[in-house]
């Protein structure tokens, strides 16, 4: 089932073909998914010992194909939250302030793509080259990441799209190393 999402994620449309015809529907969506690092869930946990074998971990993580993983923009490891933080009285980000930040970022994107009415996530490869220029430090970091992690051309462009969005959220004109 997950593999069937690959093409709609890539194309932004779903095509259904039946004996009587073919119908195409728009399908721009945001996929948010969660997965444990291994069957027992403790592979990356610093407090608990994982009891899975390397083979079990590889089998578990291989359920998601490389091409599907490559189409997911962000991968975030979420460690267990310590009790002290769970009980903290410190306030998080106010949703109103976050909304205002997002609206400002969207306005930056609207100005950038005024003739195309798209968002950073939907930039073409040509638009990525034009709107996601990096300084020398950024080029070096991206080159190192691509080479050491063996990332694809698709991953390269996704990194730049996400970095452009992070820069927009911060109100920055250019993409800096911390955005990458």
C-alpha atoms as a PDB file:
ATOM      1  CA  UNK A   1       0.000   0.000   0.000  1.00  0.00           C
ATOM      2  CA  UNK A   2       2.817   2.395   0.873  1.00  0.00           C
ATOM      3  CA  UNK A   3       4.486   1.808  -2.495  1.00  0.00           C
ATOM      4  CA  UNK A   4       1.326   2.939  -4.286  1.00  0.00           C
ATOM      5  CA  UNK A   5       1.863   6.396  -2.746  1.00  0.00           C
ATOM      6  CA  UNK A   6       5.132   6.891  -4.627  1.00  0.00           C
ATOM      7  CA  UNK A   7       3.678   8.145  -7.890  1.00  0.00           C
ATOM      8  CA  UNK A   8       0.977  10.400  -6.360  1.00  0.00           C
ATOM      9  CA  UNK A   9       3.661  11.939  -4.105  1.00  0.00           C
ATOM     10  CA  UNK A  10       5.830  12.589  -7.143  1.00  0.00           C
ATOM     11  CA  UNK A  11       3.197  13.731  -9.650  1.00  0.00           C
ATOM     12  CA  UNK A  12       0.572  15.332  -7.408  1.00  0.00           C
ATOM     13  CA  UNK A  13      -2.163  13.300  -9.069  1.00  0.00           C
ATOM     14  CA  UNK A  14      -3.769   9.854  -8.962  1.00  0.00           C
ATOM     15  CA  UNK A  15      -4.835   8.055 -12.109  1.00  0.00           C
ATOM     16  CA  UNK A  16      -7.375   5.257 -11.900  1.00  0.00           C
ATOM     17  CA  UNK A  17      -7.623   2.964 -14.899  1.00  0.00           C
ATOM     18  CA  UNK A  18     -10.538   0.581 -15.324  1.00  0.00           C
ATOM     19  CA  UNK A  19     -11.999  -1.292 -18.272  1.00  0.00           C
ATOM     20  CA  UNK A  20     -14.433   1.549 -18.985  1.00  0.00           C
ATOM     21  CA  UNK A  21     -11.885   4.336 -18.917  1.00  0.00           C
ATOM     22  CA  UNK A  22      -9.263   6.355 -17.148  1.00  0.00           C
ATOM     23  CA  UNK A  23      -9.751   9.164 -14.622  1.00  0.00           C
ATOM     24  CA  UNK A  24      -7.112  11.437 -13.094  1.00  0.00           C
ATOM     25  CA  UNK A  25      -7.615  13.287  -9.797  1.00  0.00           C
ATOM     26  CA  UNK A  26      -5.407  15.913  -8.144  1.00  0.00           C
ATOM     27  CA  UNK A  27      -3.628  14.633  -5.038  1.00  0.00           C
ATOM     28  CA  UNK A  28      -1.277  17.182  -3.524  1.00  0.00           C
ATOM     29  CA  UNK A  29      -0.971  16.075   0.074  1.00  0.00           C
ATOM     30  CA  UNK A  30       1.352  16.198   3.034  1.00  0.00           C
ATOM     31  CA  UNK A  31       2.386  12.774   4.240  1.00  0.00           C
ATOM     32  CA  UNK A  32       3.193  12.602   7.932  1.00  0.00           C
ATOM     33  CA  UNK A  33       4.318   9.175   9.054  1.00  0.00           C
ATOM     34  CA  UNK A  34       5.898   7.603  12.113  1.00  0.00           C
ATOM     35  CA  UNK A  35       7.980   4.473  12.481  1.00  0.00           C
ATOM     36  CA  UNK A  36       9.915   2.885  15.307  1.00  0.00           C
ATOM     37  CA  UNK A  37      13.652   2.440  14.684  1.00  0.00           C
ATOM     38  CA  UNK A  38      13.314  -1.342  15.175  1.00  0.00           C
ATOM     39  CA  UNK A  39      10.673  -3.920  16.166  1.00  0.00           C
ATOM     40  CA  UNK A  40      11.179  -3.384  19.934  1.00  0.00           C
ATOM     41  CA  UNK A  41      11.438   0.408  19.520  1.00  0.00           C
ATOM     42  CA  UNK A  42      14.639   0.927  21.522  1.00  0.00           C
ATOM     43  CA  UNK A  43      17.396   0.797  18.881  1.00  0.00           C
ATOM     44  CA  UNK A  44      18.279   4.498  19.219  1.00  0.00           C
ATOM     45  CA  UNK A  45      17.226   4.884  22.863  1.00  0.00           C
ATOM     46  CA  UNK A  46      20.065   5.857  25.194  1.00  0.00           C
ATOM     47  CA  UNK A  47      18.158   4.695  28.298  1.00  0.00           C
ATOM     48  CA  UNK A  48      16.965   1.239  27.219  1.00  0.00           C
ATOM     49  CA  UNK A  49      18.758  -1.605  25.499  1.00  0.00           C
ATOM     50  CA  UNK A  50      17.501  -2.798  22.133  1.00  0.00           C
ATOM     51  CA  UNK A  51      16.925  -6.549  22.033  1.00  0.00           C
ATOM     52  CA  UNK A  52      16.655  -6.852  18.238  1.00  0.00           C
ATOM     53  CA  UNK A  53      19.263  -8.543  16.077  1.00  0.00           C
ATOM     54  CA  UNK A  54      20.878  -6.628  13.232  1.00  0.00           C
ATOM     55  CA  UNK A  55      18.936  -8.841  10.796  1.00  0.00           C
ATOM     56  CA  UNK A  56      15.613  -7.987  12.515  1.00  0.00           C
ATOM     57  CA  UNK A  57      16.417  -4.273  12.338  1.00  0.00           C
ATOM     58  CA  UNK A  58      17.356  -4.469   8.655  1.00  0.00           C
ATOM     59  CA  UNK A  59      14.235  -6.487   7.825  1.00  0.00           C
ATOM     60  CA  UNK A  60      12.066  -4.031   9.747  1.00  0.00           C
ATOM     61  CA  UNK A  61      13.513  -0.894   8.145  1.00  0.00           C
ATOM     62  CA  UNK A  62      13.554  -2.436   4.664  1.00  0.00           C
ATOM     63  CA  UNK A  63       9.758  -2.452   4.662  1.00  0.00           C
ATOM     64  CA  UNK A  64      10.089   1.077   3.296  1.00  0.00           C
ATOM     65  CA  UNK A  65      11.796   1.051  -0.077  1.00  0.00           C
ATOM     66  CA  UNK A  66      14.586   3.469  -0.925  1.00  0.00           C
ATOM     67  CA  UNK A  67      12.507   5.187  -3.635  1.00  0.00           C
ATOM     68  CA  UNK A  68       9.638   5.768  -1.179  1.00  0.00           C
ATOM     69  CA  UNK A  69      11.966   7.066   1.554  1.00  0.00           C
ATOM     70  CA  UNK A  70      13.583   9.302  -1.067  1.00  0.00           C
ATOM     71  CA  UNK A  71      10.233  11.018  -1.659  1.00  0.00           C
ATOM     72  CA  UNK A  72       9.783  11.966   2.008  1.00  0.00           C
ATOM     73  CA  UNK A  73      11.053  15.512   2.557  1.00  0.00           C
ATOM     74  CA  UNK A  74      12.016  15.359   6.218  1.00  0.00           C
ATOM     75  CA  UNK A  75      13.135  12.573   8.503  1.00  0.00           C
ATOM     76  CA  UNK A  76      13.250  13.429  12.186  1.00  0.00           C
ATOM     77  CA  UNK A  77      14.404  11.151  14.978  1.00  0.00           C
ATOM     78  CA  UNK A  78      12.280  11.771  18.044  1.00  0.00           C
ATOM     79  CA  UNK A  79      13.916  10.496  21.228  1.00  0.00           C
ATOM     80  CA  UNK A  80      11.982   9.690  24.391  1.00  0.00           C
ATOM     81  CA  UNK A  81      11.141  12.837  26.354  1.00  0.00           C
ATOM     82  CA  UNK A  82      12.699  12.859  29.841  1.00  0.00           C
ATOM     83  CA  UNK A  83      10.316  13.099  32.800  1.00  0.00           C
ATOM     84  CA  UNK A  84      11.694  16.519  33.790  1.00  0.00           C
ATOM     85  CA  UNK A  85      10.706  17.940  30.419  1.00  0.00           C
ATOM     86  CA  UNK A  86       7.296  16.278  30.527  1.00  0.00           C
ATOM     87  CA  UNK A  87       6.587  18.033  33.818  1.00  0.00           C
ATOM     88  CA  UNK A  88       8.163  21.349  32.841  1.00  0.00           C
ATOM     89  CA  UNK A  89       6.031  24.455  33.238  1.00  0.00           C
ATOM     90  CA  UNK A  90       7.859  26.133  30.344  1.00  0.00           C
ATOM     91  CA  UNK A  91       5.555  27.227  27.552  1.00  0.00           C
ATOM     92  CA  UNK A  92       6.084  25.986  24.026  1.00  0.00           C
ATOM     93  CA  UNK A  93       5.595  28.002  20.875  1.00  0.00           C
ATOM     94  CA  UNK A  94       2.297  29.841  20.864  1.00  0.00           C
ATOM     95  CA  UNK A  95       0.180  28.577  17.939  1.00  0.00           C
ATOM     96  CA  UNK A  96      -0.835  32.132  17.026  1.00  0.00           C
ATOM     97  CA  UNK A  97       2.805  33.202  16.760  1.00  0.00           C
ATOM     98  CA  UNK A  98       3.609  30.088  14.754  1.00  0.00           C
ATOM     99  CA  UNK A  99       0.692  30.782  12.428  1.00  0.00           C
ATOM    100  CA  UNK A 100       1.924  34.338  11.846  1.00  0.00           C
ATOM    101  CA  UNK A 101       5.415  33.022  11.056  1.00  0.00           C
ATOM    102  CA  UNK A 102       3.994  30.527   8.550  1.00  0.00           C
ATOM    103  CA  UNK A 103       1.830  33.188   6.905  1.00  0.00           C
ATOM    104  CA  UNK A 104       4.870  35.457   6.506  1.00  0.00           C
ATOM    105  CA  UNK A 105       6.827  32.569   4.949  1.00  0.00           C
ATOM    106  CA  UNK A 106       3.928  31.865   2.577  1.00  0.00           C
ATOM    107  CA  UNK A 107       3.856  35.542   1.600  1.00  0.00           C
ATOM    108  CA  UNK A 108       7.595  35.373   0.770  1.00  0.00           C
ATOM    109  CA  UNK A 109       6.874  32.362  -1.427  1.00  0.00           C
ATOM    110  CA  UNK A 110       3.958  34.128  -3.101  1.00  0.00           C
ATOM    111  CA  UNK A 111       6.239  37.059  -3.973  1.00  0.00           C
ATOM    112  CA  UNK A 112       8.979  34.716  -5.209  1.00  0.00           C
ATOM    113  CA  UNK A 113       6.632  32.731  -7.462  1.00  0.00           C
ATOM    114  CA  UNK A 114       4.070  35.420  -8.255  1.00  0.00           C
ATOM    115  CA  UNK A 115       3.699  34.266 -11.841  1.00  0.00           C
ATOM    116  CA  UNK A 116       3.456  30.566 -10.951  1.00  0.00           C
ATOM    117  CA  UNK A 117       1.397  30.422  -7.706  1.00  0.00           C
ATOM    118  CA  UNK A 118       3.378  27.526  -6.226  1.00  0.00           C
ATOM    119  CA  UNK A 119       5.101  26.762  -2.941  1.00  0.00           C
ATOM    120  CA  UNK A 120       8.722  25.860  -2.287  1.00  0.00           C
ATOM    121  CA  UNK A 121       7.781  22.190  -2.014  1.00  0.00           C
ATOM    122  CA  UNK A 122       6.627  22.191  -5.633  1.00  0.00           C
ATOM    123  CA  UNK A 123       9.607  23.936  -7.221  1.00  0.00           C
ATOM    124  CA  UNK A 124      10.907  22.344 -10.399  1.00  0.00           C
ATOM    125  CA  UNK A 125      14.592  21.434 -10.679  1.00  0.00           C
ATOM    126  CA  UNK A 126      15.145  24.627 -12.679  1.00  0.00           C
ATOM    127  CA  UNK A 127      13.439  26.734 -10.002  1.00  0.00           C
ATOM    128  CA  UNK A 128      15.511  25.043  -7.281  1.00  0.00           C
ATOM    129  CA  UNK A 129      18.702  26.041  -9.124  1.00  0.00           C
ATOM    130  CA  UNK A 130      17.469  29.621  -9.435  1.00  0.00           C
ATOM    131  CA  UNK A 131      15.960  30.191  -5.956  1.00  0.00           C
ATOM    132  CA  UNK A 132      18.159  27.987  -3.758  1.00  0.00           C
ATOM    133  CA  UNK A 133      21.629  29.401  -4.240  1.00  0.00           C
ATOM    134  CA  UNK A 134      24.186  28.572  -1.550  1.00  0.00           C
ATOM    135  CA  UNK A 135      27.299  30.309  -0.298  1.00  0.00           C
ATOM    136  CA  UNK A 136      30.659  28.490  -0.216  1.00  0.00           C
ATOM    137  CA  UNK A 137      30.040  27.013   3.261  1.00  0.00           C
ATOM    138  CA  UNK A 138      26.592  25.783   2.237  1.00  0.00           C
ATOM    139  CA  UNK A 139      27.945  24.248  -0.973  1.00  0.00           C
ATOM    140  CA  UNK A 140      30.601  22.433   1.045  1.00  0.00           C
ATOM    141  CA  UNK A 141      28.100  21.079   3.568  1.00  0.00           C
ATOM    142  CA  UNK A 142      25.679  19.913   0.892  1.00  0.00           C
ATOM    143  CA  UNK A 143      28.473  18.299  -1.120  1.00  0.00           C
ATOM    144  CA  UNK A 144      29.713  16.474   1.970  1.00  0.00           C
ATOM    145  CA  UNK A 145      26.205  15.249   2.832  1.00  0.00           C
ATOM    146  CA  UNK A 146      25.533  14.050  -0.723  1.00  0.00           C
ATOM    147  CA  UNK A 147      28.885  12.239  -0.958  1.00  0.00           C
ATOM    148  CA  UNK A 148      28.971  10.698   2.529  1.00  0.00           C
ATOM    149  CA  UNK A 149      25.330   9.664   2.628  1.00  0.00           C
ATOM    150  CA  UNK A 150      25.056   8.648  -1.020  1.00  0.00           C
ATOM    151  CA  UNK A 151      21.996  10.815  -1.555  1.00  0.00           C
ATOM    152  CA  UNK A 152      20.157  10.950  -4.860  1.00  0.00           C
ATOM    153  CA  UNK A 153      19.483  13.922  -7.128  1.00  0.00           C
ATOM    154  CA  UNK A 154      15.904  13.890  -5.834  1.00  0.00           C
ATOM    155  CA  UNK A 155      17.187  14.100  -2.232  1.00  0.00           C
ATOM    156  CA  UNK A 156      19.525  16.955  -3.226  1.00  0.00           C
ATOM    157  CA  UNK A 157      16.609  19.010  -4.532  1.00  0.00           C
ATOM    158  CA  UNK A 158      14.397  18.142  -1.543  1.00  0.00           C
ATOM    159  CA  UNK A 159      17.101  19.290   0.872  1.00  0.00           C
ATOM    160  CA  UNK A 160      17.267  22.618  -0.947  1.00  0.00           C
ATOM    161  CA  UNK A 161      13.470  23.010  -1.013  1.00  0.00           C
ATOM    162  CA  UNK A 162      13.211  22.365   2.727  1.00  0.00           C
ATOM    163  CA  UNK A 163      16.185  24.659   3.445  1.00  0.00           C
ATOM    164  CA  UNK A 164      14.527  27.410   1.363  1.00  0.00           C
ATOM    165  CA  UNK A 165      11.356  26.977   3.460  1.00  0.00           C
ATOM    166  CA  UNK A 166      13.292  27.108   6.742  1.00  0.00           C
ATOM    167  CA  UNK A 167      15.012  30.283   5.539  1.00  0.00           C
ATOM    168  CA  UNK A 168      11.601  31.738   4.650  1.00  0.00           C
ATOM    169  CA  UNK A 169      10.268  30.887   8.124  1.00  0.00           C
ATOM    170  CA  UNK A 170      13.205  32.802   9.622  1.00  0.00           C
ATOM    171  CA  UNK A 171      12.708  35.704   7.207  1.00  0.00           C
ATOM    172  CA  UNK A 172      16.134  35.177   5.618  1.00  0.00           C
ATOM    173  CA  UNK A 173      16.801  36.153   2.029  1.00  0.00           C
ATOM    174  CA  UNK A 174      19.429  33.488   1.424  1.00  0.00           C
ATOM    175  CA  UNK A 175      19.893  29.906   2.514  1.00  0.00           C
ATOM    176  CA  UNK A 176      22.519  29.623   5.264  1.00  0.00           C
ATOM    177  CA  UNK A 177      24.311  26.549   6.602  1.00  0.00           C
ATOM    178  CA  UNK A 178      21.932  26.333   9.571  1.00  0.00           C
ATOM    179  CA  UNK A 179      18.972  26.140   7.168  1.00  0.00           C
ATOM    180  CA  UNK A 180      20.591  23.165   5.440  1.00  0.00           C
END
